[in-house]
Amino acid sequence: MYSNDFKQKVLNTYYNNKNIYQNIYNLLILYEIARSTLYTWINNNNNNNNNNNNKRNNKISDDCIDYIVKYVLEKKQFSIKKLKSNIKKKFNIKSISKSYIYYVLKTNNITNKKISINSYPHSEEELNKSIKNIKEELSKVDYNVISIDESSIILNDKSAYGWSKKGEKCIIKDKIRKKRFSLIMGISKHEIVSYKLVDGSINAVIYNDFVIQNIKINNDKKIFVDNAVIHHAKILDETVKLNSIFNVPYMSIFNPIEMVFNNLKMFLQRYIIDNYDKLNKYIKKFIKESNNSNYIQKCYNKSFNLLKNS
């Protein structure tokens, strides 16, 4: 093992020798080192010098970092070119790299993700008022509700993703006439309570019968539904009307069954389903797997925690 002083002594001899290419052999003999060892020391020394020369001359202040974080959180979607321009003007910085900006975002736990669009058509004040009212209603039953909703399911529906060679489009020929069914389902805090698969659409009569026949509701356990027309229909049984809690309009993220339906549709895309019996079979399979895990409870907790924290 060579000491740092010895390495530096060899390098000084190497750099100070004007006829190095003629006398390098003598240098190796003099210091009793291998040619590969010498070149390793030279490369390491050059890299260290380059790193020192490339150090940022203009230090990025804490105020600049705070500005980057605040700017991105407010804009959500932004132009990196415009942000760099703003930083240079505001903080009189000669240059700032795109990679450094992304480094700042990463260290502040700011990540790029799929956006959720808030399509609530009314004012922020009205939204907050609606959320407050829903919280009060759900608190009365300690969030002990059966979440109910309807969703359409298409036979032979395919995933939006597939495999093909790099640089080529993934094209699937699909001439199959697709059949549409409707599914109504109810979930509690721990499990999928019941479901009904219908050929066609679900109307107020089907919805009413499903709740009366399959869902046990009372003053301590109510149903939680969205604001679809059939959930407000005049023909509904009084028991259903009196024990319904309606979600904040346009805020499906607060209803746990929405996540269950999304996962169910992804589950069904794994299989080739071309008739009612197969569809029913795989829905039962999904229910069994979900009820034997804590998946439903995770959906329940996630949605209602979002609501509680809003």
C-alpha atoms as a PDB file:
ATOM      1  CA  MET A   1       0.000   0.000   0.000  1.00  0.00           C
ATOM      2  CA  TYR A   2       1.471   3.346  -1.053  1.00  0.00           C
ATOM      3  CA  SER A   3       1.164   6.444   1.112  1.00  0.00           C
ATOM      4  CA  ASN A   4      -0.459   9.636  -0.187  1.00  0.00           C
ATOM      5  CA  ASP A   5       2.878  11.457   0.135  1.00  0.00           C
ATOM      6  CA  PHE A   6       4.581   8.865  -2.043  1.00  0.00           C
ATOM      7  CA  LYS A   7       1.788   9.060  -4.660  1.00  0.00           C
ATOM      8  CA  GLN A   8       2.083  12.844  -4.778  1.00  0.00           C
ATOM      9  CA  LYS A   9       5.868  12.633  -5.096  1.00  0.00           C
ATOM     10  CA  VAL A  10       5.531  10.299  -8.101  1.00  0.00           C
ATOM     11  CA  LEU A  11       2.903  12.538  -9.713  1.00  0.00           C
ATOM     12  CA  ASN A  12       5.064  15.646  -9.222  1.00  0.00           C
ATOM     13  CA  THR A  13       7.942  13.887 -10.961  1.00  0.00           C
ATOM     14  CA  TYR A  14       5.606  12.830 -13.768  1.00  0.00           C
ATOM     15  CA  TYR A  15       4.175  16.329 -14.358  1.00  0.00           C
ATOM     16  CA  ASN A  16       7.546  18.135 -14.020  1.00  0.00           C
ATOM     17  CA  ASN A  17       9.400  15.913 -16.466  1.00  0.00           C
ATOM     18  CA  LYS A  18       9.388  17.628 -19.874  1.00  0.00           C
ATOM     19  CA  ASN A  19      10.432  14.493 -21.701  1.00  0.00           C
ATOM     20  CA  ILE A  20       7.985  12.237 -19.856  1.00  0.00           C
ATOM     21  CA  TYR A  21       7.252   9.970 -22.828  1.00  0.00           C
ATOM     22  CA  GLN A  22      10.953   9.286 -23.292  1.00  0.00           C
ATOM     23  CA  ASN A  23      11.749   8.828 -19.624  1.00  0.00           C
ATOM     24  CA  ILE A  24       8.563   7.255 -18.223  1.00  0.00           C
ATOM     25  CA  TYR A  25      10.287   3.881 -18.192  1.00  0.00           C
ATOM     26  CA  ASN A  26      13.027   5.346 -16.003  1.00  0.00           C
ATOM     27  CA  LEU A  27      10.366   6.820 -13.690  1.00  0.00           C
ATOM     28  CA  LEU A  28       8.787   3.396 -13.235  1.00  0.00           C
ATOM     29  CA  ILE A  29      12.194   1.871 -12.509  1.00  0.00           C
ATOM     30  CA  LEU A  30      13.104   4.694 -10.117  1.00  0.00           C
ATOM     31  CA  TYR A  31       9.967   4.361  -7.964  1.00  0.00           C
ATOM     32  CA  GLU A  32       9.503   0.623  -8.547  1.00  0.00           C
ATOM     33  CA  ILE A  33       5.845   0.873  -9.581  1.00  0.00           C
ATOM     34  CA  ALA A  34       3.819  -0.669 -12.406  1.00  0.00           C
ATOM     35  CA  ARG A  35       2.724   1.346 -15.438  1.00  0.00           C
ATOM     36  CA  SER A  36      -0.977   0.595 -14.666  1.00  0.00           C
ATOM     37  CA  THR A  37      -0.515   1.909 -11.112  1.00  0.00           C
ATOM     38  CA  LEU A  38       0.909   5.183 -12.378  1.00  0.00           C
ATOM     39  CA  TYR A  39      -1.924   5.711 -14.858  1.00  0.00           C
ATOM     40  CA  THR A  40      -4.516   4.964 -12.159  1.00  0.00           C
ATOM     41  CA  TRP A  41      -3.016   7.697  -9.952  1.00  0.00           C
ATOM     42  CA  ILE A  42      -2.942  10.125 -12.886  1.00  0.00           C
ATOM     43  CA  ASN A  43      -6.621   9.490 -13.767  1.00  0.00           C
ATOM     44  CA  ASN A  44      -7.728   9.855 -10.142  1.00  0.00           C
ATOM     45  CA  ASN A  45      -5.805  13.111  -9.833  1.00  0.00           C
ATOM     46  CA  ASN A  46      -7.359  14.496 -13.034  1.00  0.00           C
ATOM     47  CA  ASN A  47     -10.870  13.555 -11.883  1.00  0.00           C
ATOM     48  CA  ASN A  48     -10.347  15.297  -8.542  1.00  0.00           C
ATOM     49  CA  ASN A  49      -9.177  18.443 -10.308  1.00  0.00           C
ATOM     50  CA  ASN A  50     -12.192  18.388 -12.642  1.00  0.00           C
ATOM     51  CA  ASN A  51     -14.607  17.993  -9.736  1.00  0.00           C
ATOM     52  CA  ASN A  52     -13.059  20.966  -7.976  1.00  0.00           C
ATOM     53  CA  ASN A  53     -13.315  23.078 -11.128  1.00  0.00           C
ATOM     54  CA  ASN A  54     -16.957  22.121 -11.696  1.00  0.00           C
ATOM     55  CA  LYS A  55     -18.214  23.096  -8.245  1.00  0.00           C
ATOM     56  CA  ARG A  56     -21.120  25.541  -8.378  1.00  0.00           C
ATOM     57  CA  ASN A  57     -19.878  29.089  -8.139  1.00  0.00           C
ATOM     58  CA  ASN A  58     -23.303  30.535  -7.408  1.00  0.00           C
ATOM     59  CA  LYS A  59     -24.685  29.030  -4.204  1.00  0.00           C
ATOM     60  CA  ILE A  60     -28.437  28.384  -4.168  1.00  0.00           C
ATOM     61  CA  SER A  61     -29.904  30.070  -1.103  1.00  0.00           C
ATOM     62  CA  ASP A  62     -32.563  28.659   1.228  1.00  0.00           C
ATOM     63  CA  ASP A  63     -34.921  31.388   0.020  1.00  0.00           C
ATOM     64  CA  CYS A  64     -34.485  30.129  -3.543  1.00  0.00           C
ATOM     65  CA  ILE A  65     -35.223  26.550  -2.466  1.00  0.00           C
ATOM     66  CA  ASP A  66     -38.347  27.729  -0.608  1.00  0.00           C
ATOM     67  CA  TYR A  67     -39.418  29.603  -3.731  1.00  0.00           C
ATOM     68  CA  ILE A  68     -39.064  26.454  -5.889  1.00  0.00           C
ATOM     69  CA  VAL A  69     -41.128  24.376  -3.465  1.00  0.00           C
ATOM     70  CA  LYS A  70     -43.866  27.006  -3.098  1.00  0.00           C
ATOM     71  CA  TYR A  71     -44.012  27.660  -6.863  1.00  0.00           C
ATOM     72  CA  VAL A  72     -44.435  23.982  -7.781  1.00  0.00           C
ATOM     73  CA  LEU A  73     -47.016  23.275  -5.063  1.00  0.00           C
ATOM     74  CA  GLU A  74     -49.109  26.237  -6.187  1.00  0.00           C
ATOM     75  CA  LYS A  75     -48.858  25.585  -9.920  1.00  0.00           C
ATOM     76  CA  LYS A  76     -49.137  21.742  -9.789  1.00  0.00           C
ATOM     77  CA  GLN A  77     -48.317  21.731 -13.515  1.00  0.00           C
ATOM     78  CA  PHE A  78     -45.494  24.041 -14.556  1.00  0.00           C
ATOM     79  CA  SER A  79     -42.926  24.847 -17.234  1.00  0.00           C
ATOM     80  CA  ILE A  80     -39.411  24.034 -16.032  1.00  0.00           C
ATOM     81  CA  LYS A  81     -38.056  26.608 -18.516  1.00  0.00           C
ATOM     82  CA  LYS A  82     -40.222  29.383 -17.052  1.00  0.00           C
ATOM     83  CA  LEU A  83     -39.330  28.378 -13.498  1.00  0.00           C
ATOM     84  CA  LYS A  84     -35.592  28.555 -14.304  1.00  0.00           C
ATOM     85  CA  SER A  85     -36.101  31.997 -15.858  1.00  0.00           C
ATOM     86  CA  ASN A  86     -38.005  33.230 -12.789  1.00  0.00           C
ATOM     87  CA  ILE A  87     -35.276  31.970 -10.456  1.00  0.00           C
ATOM     88  CA  LYS A  88     -32.492  33.701 -12.423  1.00  0.00           C
ATOM     89  CA  LYS A  89     -34.347  37.041 -12.387  1.00  0.00           C
ATOM     90  CA  LYS A  90     -35.587  36.893  -8.808  1.00  0.00           C
ATOM     91  CA  PHE A  91     -32.370  35.667  -7.154  1.00  0.00           C
ATOM     92  CA  ASN A  92     -29.804  37.035  -9.629  1.00  0.00           C
ATOM     93  CA  ILE A  93     -28.410  33.557 -10.303  1.00  0.00           C
ATOM     94  CA  LYS A  94     -26.345  32.994 -13.437  1.00  0.00           C
ATOM     95  CA  SER A  95     -27.592  29.455 -13.989  1.00  0.00           C
ATOM     96  CA  ILE A  96     -29.551  26.670 -12.346  1.00  0.00           C
ATOM     97  CA  SER A  97     -29.908  23.213 -13.834  1.00  0.00           C
ATOM     98  CA  LYS A  98     -33.124  21.288 -14.376  1.00  0.00           C
ATOM     99  CA  SER A  99     -31.644  18.330 -12.474  1.00  0.00           C
ATOM    100  CA  TYR A 100     -31.007  20.539  -9.429  1.00  0.00           C
ATOM    101  CA  ILE A 101     -34.621  21.739  -9.405  1.00  0.00           C
ATOM    102  CA  TYR A 102     -35.821  18.126  -9.520  1.00  0.00           C
ATOM    103  CA  TYR A 103     -33.360  17.326  -6.727  1.00  0.00           C
ATOM    104  CA  VAL A 104     -34.922  20.081  -4.590  1.00  0.00           C
ATOM    105  CA  LEU A 105     -38.397  18.684  -5.257  1.00  0.00           C
ATOM    106  CA  LYS A 106     -37.294  15.151  -4.398  1.00  0.00           C
ATOM    107  CA  THR A 107     -35.673  16.174  -1.110  1.00  0.00           C
ATOM    108  CA  ASN A 108     -38.889  17.993  -0.175  1.00  0.00           C
ATOM    109  CA  ASN A 109     -41.026  14.906  -0.916  1.00  0.00           C
ATOM    110  CA  ILE A 110     -42.675  16.462  -3.973  1.00  0.00           C
ATOM    111  CA  THR A 111     -43.294  13.882  -6.701  1.00  0.00           C
ATOM    112  CA  ASN A 112     -44.876  13.810 -10.139  1.00  0.00           C
ATOM    113  CA  LYS A 113     -48.129  11.843 -10.141  1.00  0.00           C
ATOM    114  CA  LYS A 114     -51.404  11.358 -11.942  1.00  0.00           C
ATOM    115  CA  ILE A 115     -53.636  14.371 -11.329  1.00  0.00           C
ATOM    116  CA  SER A 116     -57.086  14.240  -9.766  1.00  0.00           C
ATOM    117  CA  ILE A 117     -59.400  16.832 -11.270  1.00  0.00           C
ATOM    118  CA  ASN A 118     -61.758  18.598  -8.887  1.00  0.00           C
ATOM    119  CA  SER A 119     -64.861  19.165 -10.985  1.00  0.00           C
ATOM    120  CA  TYR A 120     -67.014  20.556  -8.165  1.00  0.00           C
ATOM    121  CA  PRO A 121     -69.088  23.230  -9.944  1.00  0.00           C
ATOM    122  CA  HIS A 122     -69.804  25.448  -6.940  1.00  0.00           C
ATOM    123  CA  SER A 123     -67.704  27.733  -4.769  1.00  0.00           C
ATOM    124  CA  GLU A 124     -65.100  26.592  -2.251  1.00  0.00           C
ATOM    125  CA  GLU A 125     -67.365  27.898   0.507  1.00  0.00           C
ATOM    126  CA  GLU A 126     -70.275  25.718  -0.644  1.00  0.00           C
ATOM    127  CA  LEU A 127     -67.998  22.706  -0.954  1.00  0.00           C
ATOM    128  CA  ASN A 128     -66.706  23.146   2.595  1.00  0.00           C
ATOM    129  CA  LYS A 129     -70.261  23.534   3.857  1.00  0.00           C
ATOM    130  CA  SER A 130     -71.330  20.289   2.124  1.00  0.00           C
ATOM    131  CA  ILE A 131     -68.331  18.422   3.536  1.00  0.00           C
ATOM    132  CA  LYS A 132     -69.109  19.701   7.030  1.00  0.00           C
ATOM    133  CA  ASN A 133     -72.737  18.525   6.773  1.00  0.00           C
ATOM    134  CA  ILE A 134     -71.699  15.056   5.547  1.00  0.00           C
ATOM    135  CA  LYS A 135     -69.190  14.713   8.375  1.00  0.00           C
ATOM    136  CA  GLU A 136     -71.876  15.546  10.933  1.00  0.00           C
ATOM    137  CA  GLU A 137     -74.301  12.994   9.475  1.00  0.00           C
ATOM    138  CA  LEU A 138     -71.699  10.235   9.320  1.00  0.00           C
ATOM    139  CA  SER A 139     -70.453  11.021  12.825  1.00  0.00           C
ATOM    140  CA  LYS A 140     -73.927  10.345  14.220  1.00  0.00           C
ATOM    141  CA  VAL A 141     -73.572   6.693  13.184  1.00  0.00           C
ATOM    142  CA  ASP A 142     -69.805   6.606  13.772  1.00  0.00           C
ATOM    143  CA  TYR A 143     -69.257   6.134  10.019  1.00  0.00           C
ATOM    144  CA  ASN A 144     -71.030   2.776  10.334  1.00  0.00           C
ATOM    145  CA  VAL A 145     -72.615   2.813   6.876  1.00  0.00           C
ATOM    146  CA  ILE A 146     -73.173   0.517   3.925  1.00  0.00           C
ATOM    147  CA  SER A 147     -71.696   2.142   0.839  1.00  0.00           C
ATOM    148  CA  ILE A 148     -73.843   1.385  -2.235  1.00  0.00           C
ATOM    149  CA  ASP A 149     -73.341   2.244  -5.882  1.00  0.00           C
ATOM    150  CA  GLU A 150     -73.914   1.028  -9.420  1.00  0.00           C
ATOM    151  CA  SER A 151     -71.454   0.508 -12.252  1.00  0.00           C
ATOM    152  CA  SER A 152     -71.594  -0.773 -15.822  1.00  0.00           C
ATOM    153  CA  ILE A 153     -69.456  -3.724 -16.902  1.00  0.00           C
ATOM    154  CA  ILE A 154     -68.717  -4.587 -20.526  1.00  0.00           C
ATOM    155  CA  LEU A 155     -68.078  -8.156 -21.664  1.00  0.00           C
ATOM    156  CA  ASN A 156     -64.831  -8.735 -23.558  1.00  0.00           C
ATOM    157  CA  ASP A 157     -63.514  -5.446 -22.228  1.00  0.00           C
ATOM    158  CA  LYS A 158     -59.750  -5.243 -22.695  1.00  0.00           C
ATOM    159  CA  SER A 159     -57.005  -3.566 -20.728  1.00  0.00           C
ATOM    160  CA  ALA A 160     -55.668  -0.280 -22.079  1.00  0.00           C
ATOM    161  CA  TYR A 161     -52.173  -1.818 -22.064  1.00  0.00           C
ATOM    162  CA  GLY A 162     -50.531  -4.519 -24.204  1.00  0.00           C
ATOM    163  CA  TRP A 163     -47.175  -5.729 -25.526  1.00  0.00           C
ATOM    164  CA  SER A 164     -45.453  -4.921 -28.821  1.00  0.00           C
ATOM    165  CA  LYS A 165     -41.962  -4.195 -30.160  1.00  0.00           C
ATOM    166  CA  LYS A 166     -40.293  -0.951 -29.143  1.00  0.00           C
ATOM    167  CA  GLY A 167     -41.195   1.859 -31.541  1.00  0.00           C
ATOM    168  CA  GLU A 168     -44.332   0.104 -32.815  1.00  0.00           C
ATOM    169  CA  LYS A 169     -47.949   0.711 -31.825  1.00  0.00           C
ATOM    170  CA  CYS A 170     -49.766  -2.020 -29.952  1.00  0.00           C
ATOM    171  CA  ILE A 171     -52.862  -2.650 -32.095  1.00  0.00           C
ATOM    172  CA  ILE A 172     -55.551  -5.226 -31.289  1.00  0.00           C
ATOM    173  CA  LYS A 173     -58.239  -6.123 -33.831  1.00  0.00           C
ATOM    174  CA  ASP A 174     -61.561  -6.174 -32.054  1.00  0.00           C
ATOM    175  CA  LYS A 175     -64.718  -6.997 -34.015  1.00  0.00           C
ATOM    176  CA  ILE A 176     -66.580  -8.494 -31.079  1.00  0.00           C
ATOM    177  CA  ARG A 177     -69.919  -6.847 -30.312  1.00  0.00           C
ATOM    178  CA  LYS A 178     -69.690  -5.895 -26.680  1.00  0.00           C
ATOM    179  CA  LYS A 179     -72.486  -6.642 -24.238  1.00  0.00           C
ATOM    180  CA  ARG A 180     -73.125  -4.296 -21.322  1.00  0.00           C
ATOM    181  CA  PHE A 181     -74.296  -5.340 -17.845  1.00  0.00           C
ATOM    182  CA  SER A 182     -74.946  -3.302 -14.718  1.00  0.00           C
ATOM    183  CA  LEU A 183     -73.757  -4.168 -11.243  1.00  0.00           C
ATOM    184  CA  ILE A 184     -75.134  -2.855  -7.956  1.00  0.00           C
ATOM    185  CA  MET A 185     -73.088  -3.585  -4.868  1.00  0.00           C
ATOM    186  CA  GLY A 186     -72.998  -2.757  -1.184  1.00  0.00           C
ATOM    187  CA  ILE A 187     -69.955  -2.835   1.112  1.00  0.00           C
ATOM    188  CA  SER A 188     -69.579  -2.475   4.844  1.00  0.00           C
ATOM    189  CA  LYS A 189     -66.446  -1.518   6.709  1.00  0.00           C
ATOM    190  CA  HIS A 190     -65.046  -5.044   6.439  1.00  0.00           C
ATOM    191  CA  GLU A 191     -66.607  -6.828   3.476  1.00  0.00           C
ATOM    192  CA  ILE A 192     -68.708  -6.797   0.341  1.00  0.00           C
ATOM    193  CA  VAL A 193     -72.168  -7.368   1.758  1.00  0.00           C
ATOM    194  CA  SER A 194     -74.166  -8.111  -1.373  1.00  0.00           C
ATOM    195  CA  TYR A 195     -74.388  -7.544  -5.116  1.00  0.00           C
ATOM    196  CA  LYS A 196     -76.747  -7.962  -8.044  1.00  0.00           C
ATOM    197  CA  LEU A 197     -75.821  -8.296 -11.709  1.00  0.00           C
ATOM    198  CA  VAL A 198     -78.403  -6.989 -14.173  1.00  0.00           C
ATOM    199  CA  ASP A 199     -78.678  -7.354 -17.943  1.00  0.00           C
ATOM    200  CA  GLY A 200     -79.175  -3.731 -18.969  1.00  0.00           C
ATOM    201  CA  SER A 201     -79.380  -0.711 -16.689  1.00  0.00           C
ATOM    202  CA  ILE A 202     -80.413  -0.338 -13.038  1.00  0.00           C
ATOM    203  CA  ASN A 203     -83.487   1.764 -12.315  1.00  0.00           C
ATOM    204  CA  ALA A 204     -85.043   3.019  -9.085  1.00  0.00           C
ATOM    205  CA  VAL A 205     -87.170  -0.133  -8.657  1.00  0.00           C
ATOM    206  CA  ILE A 206     -84.156  -2.448  -8.857  1.00  0.00           C
ATOM    207  CA  TYR A 207     -82.196  -0.182  -6.520  1.00  0.00           C
ATOM    208  CA  ASN A 208     -85.037  -0.051  -3.992  1.00  0.00           C
ATOM    209  CA  ASP A 209     -85.552  -3.844  -4.029  1.00  0.00           C
ATOM    210  CA  PHE A 210     -81.807  -4.462  -3.660  1.00  0.00           C
ATOM    211  CA  VAL A 211     -81.604  -2.309  -0.527  1.00  0.00           C
ATOM    212  CA  ILE A 212     -84.796  -3.703   1.069  1.00  0.00           C
ATOM    213  CA  GLN A 213     -83.912  -7.350   0.373  1.00  0.00           C
ATOM    214  CA  ASN A 214     -80.148  -7.377   0.924  1.00  0.00           C
ATOM    215  CA  ILE A 215     -79.122  -4.491   3.189  1.00  0.00           C
ATOM    216  CA  LYS A 216     -79.982  -4.366   6.876  1.00  0.00           C
ATOM    217  CA  ILE A 217     -80.471  -0.696   7.663  1.00  0.00           C
ATOM    218  CA  ASN A 218     -81.739   1.038  10.798  1.00  0.00           C
ATOM    219  CA  ASN A 219     -81.170   4.184  12.837  1.00  0.00           C
ATOM    220  CA  ASP A 220     -77.645   3.038  13.750  1.00  0.00           C
ATOM    221  CA  LYS A 221     -76.600   1.748  10.316  1.00  0.00           C
ATOM    222  CA  LYS A 222     -77.439   3.800   7.252  1.00  0.00           C
ATOM    223  CA  ILE A 223     -76.612   3.593   3.561  1.00  0.00           C
ATOM    224  CA  PHE A 224     -74.108   5.934   1.913  1.00  0.00           C
ATOM    225  CA  VAL A 225     -74.807   6.771  -1.743  1.00  0.00           C
ATOM    226  CA  ASP A 226     -74.039   9.349  -4.396  1.00  0.00           C
ATOM    227  CA  ASN A 227     -76.547  11.831  -5.814  1.00  0.00           C
ATOM    228  CA  ALA A 228     -77.743   9.758  -8.779  1.00  0.00           C
ATOM    229  CA  VAL A 229     -81.392  10.324  -9.743  1.00  0.00           C
ATOM    230  CA  ILE A 230     -82.462   6.798  -8.760  1.00  0.00           C
ATOM    231  CA  HIS A 231     -81.217   7.389  -5.195  1.00  0.00           C
ATOM    232  CA  HIS A 232     -83.675  10.295  -4.851  1.00  0.00           C
ATOM    233  CA  ALA A 233     -86.626   8.693  -6.634  1.00  0.00           C
ATOM    234  CA  LYS A 234     -90.098   9.257  -5.151  1.00  0.00           C
ATOM    235  CA  ILE A 235     -91.006   5.562  -5.437  1.00  0.00           C
ATOM    236  CA  LEU A 236     -88.353   4.521  -2.919  1.00  0.00           C
ATOM    237  CA  ASP A 237     -89.470   2.883   0.294  1.00  0.00           C
ATOM    238  CA  GLU A 238     -89.621   5.291   3.246  1.00  0.00           C
ATOM    239  CA  THR A 239     -87.064   3.169   5.102  1.00  0.00           C
ATOM    240  CA  VAL A 240     -84.601   3.696   2.281  1.00  0.00           C
ATOM    241  CA  LYS A 241     -85.288   7.436   2.091  1.00  0.00           C
ATOM    242  CA  LEU A 242     -84.984   8.027   5.843  1.00  0.00           C
ATOM    243  CA  ASN A 243     -81.754   6.060   6.201  1.00  0.00           C
ATOM    244  CA  SER A 244     -79.820   7.452   3.254  1.00  0.00           C
ATOM    245  CA  ILE A 245     -76.780   9.700   3.593  1.00  0.00           C
ATOM    246  CA  PHE A 246     -75.796  11.401   0.359  1.00  0.00           C
ATOM    247  CA  ASN A 247     -72.167  11.997  -0.518  1.00  0.00           C
ATOM    248  CA  VAL A 248     -70.836  15.436  -1.449  1.00  0.00           C
ATOM    249  CA  PRO A 249     -71.763  15.945  -5.134  1.00  0.00           C
ATOM    250  CA  TYR A 250     -68.909  15.307  -7.609  1.00  0.00           C
ATOM    251  CA  MET A 251     -66.614  14.015  -4.847  1.00  0.00           C
ATOM    252  CA  SER A 252     -66.544  10.272  -5.483  1.00  0.00           C
ATOM    253  CA  ILE A 253     -63.193   9.993  -3.651  1.00  0.00           C
ATOM    254  CA  PHE A 254     -65.166  10.106  -0.397  1.00  0.00           C
ATOM    255  CA  ASN A 255     -67.139   6.966  -1.281  1.00  0.00           C
ATOM    256  CA  PRO A 256     -65.109   3.765  -0.634  1.00  0.00           C
ATOM    257  CA  ILE A 257     -67.076   1.631  -3.086  1.00  0.00           C
ATOM    258  CA  GLU A 258     -65.659   3.670  -5.981  1.00  0.00           C
ATOM    259  CA  MET A 259     -62.204   2.216  -5.281  1.00  0.00           C
ATOM    260  CA  VAL A 260     -63.681  -1.278  -5.068  1.00  0.00           C
ATOM    261  CA  PHE A 261     -65.319  -0.909  -8.492  1.00  0.00           C
ATOM    262  CA  ASN A 262     -62.056   0.333 -10.026  1.00  0.00           C
ATOM    263  CA  ASN A 263     -60.187  -2.660  -8.655  1.00  0.00           C
ATOM    264  CA  LEU A 264     -62.940  -5.057  -9.738  1.00  0.00           C
ATOM    265  CA  LYS A 265     -62.752  -3.869 -13.351  1.00  0.00           C
ATOM    266  CA  MET A 266     -58.978  -4.320 -13.417  1.00  0.00           C
ATOM    267  CA  PHE A 267     -59.469  -7.797 -11.923  1.00  0.00           C
ATOM    268  CA  LEU A 268     -61.991  -8.770 -14.605  1.00  0.00           C
ATOM    269  CA  GLN A 269     -59.627  -7.669 -17.400  1.00  0.00           C
ATOM    270  CA  ARG A 270     -57.327 -10.575 -16.504  1.00  0.00           C
ATOM    271  CA  TYR A 271     -59.844 -13.041 -17.903  1.00  0.00           C
ATOM    272  CA  ILE A 272     -61.651 -13.674 -21.176  1.00  0.00           C
ATOM    273  CA  ILE A 273     -65.298 -13.113 -20.243  1.00  0.00           C
ATOM    274  CA  ASP A 274     -67.837 -13.510 -23.034  1.00  0.00           C
ATOM    275  CA  ASN A 275     -71.079 -14.369 -21.232  1.00  0.00           C
ATOM    276  CA  TYR A 276     -73.160 -13.660 -18.138  1.00  0.00           C
ATOM    277  CA  ASP A 277     -72.210 -16.867 -16.306  1.00  0.00           C
ATOM    278  CA  LYS A 278     -68.477 -16.236 -16.614  1.00  0.00           C
ATOM    279  CA  LEU A 279     -68.914 -12.639 -15.521  1.00  0.00           C
ATOM    280  CA  ASN A 280     -70.898 -13.712 -12.482  1.00  0.00           C
ATOM    281  CA  LYS A 281     -68.303 -16.383 -11.689  1.00  0.00           C
ATOM    282  CA  TYR A 282     -65.399 -13.932 -11.644  1.00  0.00           C
ATOM    283  CA  ILE A 283     -67.323 -11.319  -9.679  1.00  0.00           C
ATOM    284  CA  LYS A 284     -67.876 -13.988  -6.998  1.00  0.00           C
ATOM    285  CA  LYS A 285     -64.168 -14.837  -7.148  1.00  0.00           C
ATOM    286  CA  PHE A 286     -63.263 -11.170  -6.637  1.00  0.00           C
ATOM    287  CA  ILE A 287     -65.684 -10.897  -3.695  1.00  0.00           C
ATOM    288  CA  LYS A 288     -64.267 -14.014  -2.051  1.00  0.00           C
ATOM    289  CA  GLU A 289     -60.676 -12.810  -2.376  1.00  0.00           C
ATOM    290  CA  SER A 290     -61.561  -9.316  -1.154  1.00  0.00           C
ATOM    291  CA  ASN A 291     -63.540 -10.534   1.844  1.00  0.00           C
ATOM    292  CA  ASN A 292     -60.729 -12.888   2.863  1.00  0.00           C
ATOM    293  CA  SER A 293     -58.282  -9.992   3.030  1.00  0.00           C
ATOM    294  CA  ASN A 294     -58.325  -6.524   4.567  1.00  0.00           C
ATOM    295  CA  TYR A 295     -58.714  -4.852   1.167  1.00  0.00           C
ATOM    296  CA  ILE A 296     -62.264  -3.578   1.756  1.00  0.00           C
ATOM    297  CA  GLN A 297     -61.296  -2.071   5.084  1.00  0.00           C
ATOM    298  CA  LYS A 298     -58.359  -0.278   3.422  1.00  0.00           C
ATOM    299  CA  CYS A 299     -60.725   1.277   0.862  1.00  0.00           C
ATOM    300  CA  TYR A 300     -63.157   2.222   3.607  1.00  0.00           C
ATOM    301  CA  ASN A 301     -60.470   3.836   5.763  1.00  0.00           C
ATOM    302  CA  LYS A 302     -58.802   5.657   2.871  1.00  0.00           C
ATOM    303  CA  SER A 303     -61.992   7.311   1.610  1.00  0.00           C
ATOM    304  CA  PHE A 304     -63.321   8.333   4.998  1.00  0.00           C
ATOM    305  CA  ASN A 305     -59.923   9.549   6.187  1.00  0.00           C
ATOM    306  CA  LEU A 306     -59.842  11.805   3.117  1.00  0.00           C
ATOM    307  CA  LEU A 307     -63.253  13.094   4.120  1.00  0.00           C
ATOM    308  CA  LYS A 308     -62.308  13.597   7.773  1.00  0.00           C
ATOM    309  CA  ASN A 309     -59.172  15.512   6.828  1.00  0.00           C
ATOM    310  CA  SER A 310     -60.932  17.762   4.292  1.00  0.00           C
END
